[in-house]
Every structure is written in C-alpha cells, then in structure tokens.
Amino acid sequence: MASEVVCGLVFRLLLPVCLASACLFRYNGLSFVYLIYLLLIPLFAEPTSTTMQGHTGRLLQSLCFTSMTFLLLHIIYQITVNSLLATNSIDAGFNCSTWEKSIRQIGFER
C-alpha cells in the first residue's frame, strides 16, 4: 500500500515538477522533448506491477533513455569543445558564429 502511494506521488507529482522545471529553466530544443513527456504523463495509468509491463513502463523507459542520451551528448560536446580550446585549435571567442548559435538553440552550450 505504501509503495503504491509513493509510486503514485513520484509519477503524478515529482516527475511533472522535474519535467516542468527542465522546460522552464532551460528553454531550448531539448526542453521541447521534455514538454512532450510532460503532456503525455496524464494519459498514462499510475505505475503498478501490471501497468509497468505495459505502456506506462515503456513511457518511463523511453524517458530514462532520452535523458541519458541527452546527458551523453552534452558530455561529448563539452569534451570536444574543451579539448579544442586546450589545444588552441579554435579561438576562445568563437561563440558568435552561426554554428554556435544553432547549437545553442538545440540546447548545447559551452
């Protein structure tokens, strides 16, 4: 009983608050994906042992996979930019280029 209440609170309260804060505090292309997940949450049943085998479980798996993919892409981007700066391959003030502005709109910043 208590675990069902905790799962319900996490799924119906904590997860939407985290997704909403991700959308509000960092407005970019990656946040749009989190907004889609935020809008999908009310359409799914609360997680139980039976619903986790169905669509609710797949929603949470895809959310975790998407978040980990975004994290991995951020790490790769940061390592690439910092290694290029360390080897003086690019100028430290390269952020005014069209390429940098496009990358920022997607959600990657140095």
C-alpha atoms as a PDB file:
ATOM      1  CA  MET A   1       0.000   0.000   0.000  1.00  0.00           C
ATOM      2  CA  ALA A   2       2.699   2.475   0.978  1.00  0.00           C
ATOM      3  CA  SER A   3       4.799   1.681  -2.074  1.00  0.00           C
ATOM      4  CA  GLU A   4       1.816   2.307  -4.356  1.00  0.00           C
ATOM      5  CA  VAL A   5       1.258   5.699  -2.721  1.00  0.00           C
ATOM      6  CA  VAL A   6       4.932   6.594  -3.093  1.00  0.00           C
ATOM      7  CA  CYS A   7       4.948   5.472  -6.745  1.00  0.00           C
ATOM      8  CA  GLY A   8       1.806   7.489  -7.387  1.00  0.00           C
ATOM      9  CA  LEU A   9       3.274  10.601  -5.777  1.00  0.00           C
ATOM     10  CA  VAL A  10       6.514  10.279  -7.707  1.00  0.00           C
ATOM     11  CA  PHE A  11       4.709   9.685 -11.006  1.00  0.00           C
ATOM     12  CA  ARG A  12       1.970  12.294 -10.567  1.00  0.00           C
ATOM     13  CA  LEU A  13       3.820  14.978  -8.595  1.00  0.00           C
ATOM     14  CA  LEU A  14       7.614  14.724  -8.590  1.00  0.00           C
ATOM     15  CA  LEU A  15       8.114  13.710 -12.237  1.00  0.00           C
ATOM     16  CA  PRO A  16       5.878  16.503 -13.643  1.00  0.00           C
ATOM     17  CA  VAL A  17       7.563  19.090 -11.401  1.00  0.00           C
ATOM     18  CA  CYS A  18      11.014  17.980 -12.581  1.00  0.00           C
ATOM     19  CA  LEU A  19       9.970  17.988 -16.235  1.00  0.00           C
ATOM     20  CA  ALA A  20       8.288  21.388 -15.895  1.00  0.00           C
ATOM     21  CA  SER A  21      11.376  22.866 -14.272  1.00  0.00           C
ATOM     22  CA  ALA A  22      13.530  21.400 -17.056  1.00  0.00           C
ATOM     23  CA  CYS A  23      11.281  23.133 -19.593  1.00  0.00           C
ATOM     24  CA  LEU A  24      11.065  26.468 -17.776  1.00  0.00           C
ATOM     25  CA  PHE A  25      14.624  26.998 -16.628  1.00  0.00           C
ATOM     26  CA  ARG A  26      16.287  25.933 -19.844  1.00  0.00           C
ATOM     27  CA  TYR A  27      14.269  26.957 -22.862  1.00  0.00           C
ATOM     28  CA  ASN A  28      15.713  25.205 -25.927  1.00  0.00           C
ATOM     29  CA  GLY A  29      15.120  22.376 -28.378  1.00  0.00           C
ATOM     30  CA  LEU A  30      15.899  19.618 -25.897  1.00  0.00           C
ATOM     31  CA  SER A  31      13.354  21.031 -23.461  1.00  0.00           C
ATOM     32  CA  PHE A  32      10.682  20.597 -26.118  1.00  0.00           C
ATOM     33  CA  VAL A  33      11.134  16.829 -25.817  1.00  0.00           C
ATOM     34  CA  TYR A  34      10.627  17.071 -22.054  1.00  0.00           C
ATOM     35  CA  LEU A  35       7.499  19.158 -22.671  1.00  0.00           C
ATOM     36  CA  ILE A  36       6.097  16.353 -24.826  1.00  0.00           C
ATOM     37  CA  TYR A  37       6.738  13.874 -21.991  1.00  0.00           C
ATOM     38  CA  LEU A  38       5.130  16.278 -19.534  1.00  0.00           C
ATOM     39  CA  LEU A  39       1.998  16.443 -21.665  1.00  0.00           C
ATOM     40  CA  LEU A  40       1.900  12.648 -22.043  1.00  0.00           C
ATOM     41  CA  ILE A  41       2.028  11.819 -18.319  1.00  0.00           C
ATOM     42  CA  PRO A  42      -1.705  12.399 -17.601  1.00  0.00           C
ATOM     43  CA  LEU A  43      -2.609   9.940 -20.364  1.00  0.00           C
ATOM     44  CA  PHE A  44      -0.935   7.005 -18.623  1.00  0.00           C
ATOM     45  CA  ALA A  45      -2.001   4.997 -15.588  1.00  0.00           C
ATOM     46  CA  GLU A  46      -0.096   5.183 -12.342  1.00  0.00           C
ATOM     47  CA  PRO A  47       2.751   2.686 -12.112  1.00  0.00           C
ATOM     48  CA  THR A  48       1.818  -0.649 -10.591  1.00  0.00           C
ATOM     49  CA  SER A  49       3.208  -4.092 -11.215  1.00  0.00           C
ATOM     50  CA  THR A  50       0.747  -4.633 -14.086  1.00  0.00           C
ATOM     51  CA  THR A  51       0.934  -1.194 -15.714  1.00  0.00           C
ATOM     52  CA  MET A  52       4.740  -1.268 -15.667  1.00  0.00           C
ATOM     53  CA  GLN A  53       4.524  -4.197 -18.072  1.00  0.00           C
ATOM     54  CA  GLY A  54       2.521  -2.050 -20.495  1.00  0.00           C
ATOM     55  CA  HIS A  55       2.513   1.496 -21.789  1.00  0.00           C
ATOM     56  CA  THR A  56       3.452   3.182 -18.501  1.00  0.00           C
ATOM     57  CA  GLY A  57       6.612   1.125 -18.245  1.00  0.00           C
ATOM     58  CA  ARG A  58       7.545   1.925 -21.839  1.00  0.00           C
ATOM     59  CA  LEU A  59       6.945   5.640 -21.202  1.00  0.00           C
ATOM     60  CA  LEU A  60       9.278   5.626 -18.217  1.00  0.00           C
ATOM     61  CA  GLN A  61      11.883   3.580 -20.091  1.00  0.00           C
ATOM     62  CA  SER A  62      11.819   5.961 -23.036  1.00  0.00           C
ATOM     63  CA  LEU A  63      12.076   8.957 -20.689  1.00  0.00           C
ATOM     64  CA  CYS A  64      15.127   7.449 -18.985  1.00  0.00           C
ATOM     65  CA  PHE A  65      16.694   6.538 -22.341  1.00  0.00           C
ATOM     66  CA  THR A  66      16.076  10.036 -23.719  1.00  0.00           C
ATOM     67  CA  SER A  67      17.529  11.698 -20.625  1.00  0.00           C
ATOM     68  CA  MET A  68      20.621   9.500 -20.691  1.00  0.00           C
ATOM     69  CA  THR A  69      21.088  10.172 -24.406  1.00  0.00           C
ATOM     70  CA  PHE A  70      20.878  13.935 -23.851  1.00  0.00           C
ATOM     71  CA  LEU A  71      23.366  13.641 -20.981  1.00  0.00           C
ATOM     72  CA  LEU A  72      25.781  11.637 -23.118  1.00  0.00           C
ATOM     73  CA  LEU A  73      25.513  14.144 -25.970  1.00  0.00           C
ATOM     74  CA  HIS A  74      26.192  17.022 -23.551  1.00  0.00           C
ATOM     75  CA  ILE A  75      29.260  15.252 -22.199  1.00  0.00           C
ATOM     76  CA  ILE A  76      30.600  14.543 -25.690  1.00  0.00           C
ATOM     77  CA  TYR A  77      30.006  18.153 -26.743  1.00  0.00           C
ATOM     78  CA  GLN A  78      31.703  19.588 -23.655  1.00  0.00           C
ATOM     79  CA  ILE A  79      34.728  17.297 -24.012  1.00  0.00           C
ATOM     80  CA  THR A  80      35.070  18.213 -27.682  1.00  0.00           C
ATOM     81  CA  VAL A  81      34.862  21.970 -27.140  1.00  0.00           C
ATOM     82  CA  ASN A  82      37.173  21.952 -24.136  1.00  0.00           C
ATOM     83  CA  SER A  83      39.768  19.791 -25.870  1.00  0.00           C
ATOM     84  CA  LEU A  84      39.713  22.087 -28.907  1.00  0.00           C
ATOM     85  CA  LEU A  85      40.172  25.097 -26.638  1.00  0.00           C
ATOM     86  CA  ALA A  86      43.003  23.401 -24.744  1.00  0.00           C
ATOM     87  CA  THR A  87      44.938  22.642 -27.918  1.00  0.00           C
ATOM     88  CA  ASN A  88      44.326  26.158 -29.282  1.00  0.00           C
ATOM     89  CA  SER A  89      42.647  24.681 -32.356  1.00  0.00           C
ATOM     90  CA  ILE A  90      39.863  27.234 -32.053  1.00  0.00           C
ATOM     91  CA  ASP A  91      39.735  30.761 -30.711  1.00  0.00           C
ATOM     92  CA  ALA A  92      38.239  31.268 -27.246  1.00  0.00           C
ATOM     93  CA  GLY A  93      35.804  33.837 -28.666  1.00  0.00           C
ATOM     94  CA  PHE A  94      34.288  31.582 -31.305  1.00  0.00           C
ATOM     95  CA  ASN A  95      30.788  31.800 -29.825  1.00  0.00           C
ATOM     96  CA  CYS A  96      29.496  34.408 -32.271  1.00  0.00           C
ATOM     97  CA  SER A  97      29.441  32.105 -35.261  1.00  0.00           C
ATOM     98  CA  THR A  98      26.264  30.858 -36.870  1.00  0.00           C
ATOM     99  CA  TRP A  99      27.220  27.311 -35.942  1.00  0.00           C
ATOM    100  CA  GLU A 100      27.447  28.202 -32.246  1.00  0.00           C
ATOM    101  CA  LYS A 101      24.084  29.986 -32.300  1.00  0.00           C
ATOM    102  CA  SER A 102      22.458  26.948 -33.908  1.00  0.00           C
ATOM    103  CA  ILE A 103      23.988  24.602 -31.359  1.00  0.00           C
ATOM    104  CA  ARG A 104      22.711  26.824 -28.536  1.00  0.00           C
ATOM    105  CA  GLN A 105      19.164  26.697 -29.889  1.00  0.00           C
ATOM    106  CA  ILE A 106      19.284  22.897 -29.774  1.00  0.00           C
ATOM    107  CA  GLY A 107      20.453  23.023 -26.188  1.00  0.00           C
ATOM    108  CA  PHE A 108      24.212  22.639 -26.116  1.00  0.00           C
ATOM    109  CA  GLU A 109      26.342  25.409 -24.622  1.00  0.00           C
ATOM    110  CA  ARG A 110      29.964  25.559 -23.714  1.00  0.00           C
END
